[in-house]
Amino acid sequence: MTDSHERPGHGTADPDGYLIEQAPEGYRWTCRADGRTAGPFPSREEAVVSAEVDRTA
């Protein structure tokens, strides 16, 4: 069985303008507009929340 986040169209969507990806140490986000990154986060959901907060800041 695969993780639902590994299949396109399933799981939590990336916030507009951000790429959420798995890294060896956890998950990170990248802002597509300027290349800023943050992480690692222990879960994909925490990375998504952080990106959403950054997007509204």
Protein backbone atom coordinates (compact mmCIF):
# COMPACT_ATOMS: atom_id res chain seq x y z
CA MET A 1 0.00 0.00 0.00
CA THR A 2 1.35 3.46 -0.89
CA ASP A 3 1.06 6.69 1.04
CA SER A 4 -1.83 8.77 -0.32
CA HIS A 5 0.50 11.78 -0.65
CA GLU A 6 2.63 9.93 -3.21
CA ARG A 7 -0.25 9.67 -5.67
CA PRO A 8 -1.17 12.80 -7.65
CA GLY A 9 -4.63 14.07 -6.81
CA HIS A 10 -4.69 12.43 -3.38
CA GLY A 11 -3.94 13.81 0.04
CA THR A 12 -3.24 17.38 1.06
CA ALA A 13 -2.73 19.74 -1.87
CA ASP A 14 0.24 22.08 -2.06
CA PRO A 15 -0.73 25.67 -1.21
CA ASP A 16 -0.91 27.97 -4.24
CA GLY A 17 2.56 29.08 -5.24
CA TYR A 18 4.39 26.52 -3.07
CA LEU A 19 5.95 23.14 -3.66
CA ILE A 20 5.89 20.65 -0.79
CA GLU A 21 8.41 17.86 -1.13
CA GLN A 22 9.87 15.06 0.93
CA ALA A 23 13.53 15.40 1.84
CA PRO A 24 15.79 12.90 3.63
CA GLU A 25 15.30 14.74 6.94
CA GLY A 26 11.52 15.33 6.62
CA TYR A 27 9.39 17.62 4.47
CA ARG A 28 10.11 21.11 3.19
CA TRP A 29 8.37 23.78 1.19
CA THR A 30 9.70 25.99 -1.58
CA CYS A 31 8.10 29.26 -2.64
CA ARG A 32 7.84 29.10 -6.43
CA ALA A 33 7.97 32.91 -6.81
CA ASP A 34 11.31 33.56 -5.14
CA GLY A 35 12.83 30.18 -4.24
CA ARG A 36 12.64 30.60 -0.44
CA THR A 37 12.53 27.33 1.45
CA ALA A 38 11.67 26.21 4.97
CA GLY A 39 11.98 22.97 6.83
CA PRO A 40 12.53 20.27 7.63
CA PHE A 41 9.14 19.51 9.12
CA PRO A 42 8.33 16.11 10.66
CA SER A 43 5.18 15.68 8.56
CA ARG A 44 3.80 16.85 5.23
CA GLU A 45 0.81 18.38 7.00
CA GLU A 46 3.09 20.59 9.12
CA ALA A 47 4.95 21.74 6.01
CA VAL A 48 1.63 22.63 4.33
CA VAL A 49 0.48 24.62 7.38
CA SER A 50 3.79 26.51 7.48
CA ALA A 51 3.58 27.32 3.75
CA GLU A 52 0.01 28.56 4.14
CA VAL A 53 1.07 30.83 7.01
CA ASP A 54 3.99 32.15 4.94
CA ARG A 55 1.67 32.78 1.99
CA THR A 56 -0.61 34.99 4.06
CA ALA A 57 2.24 36.88 5.78
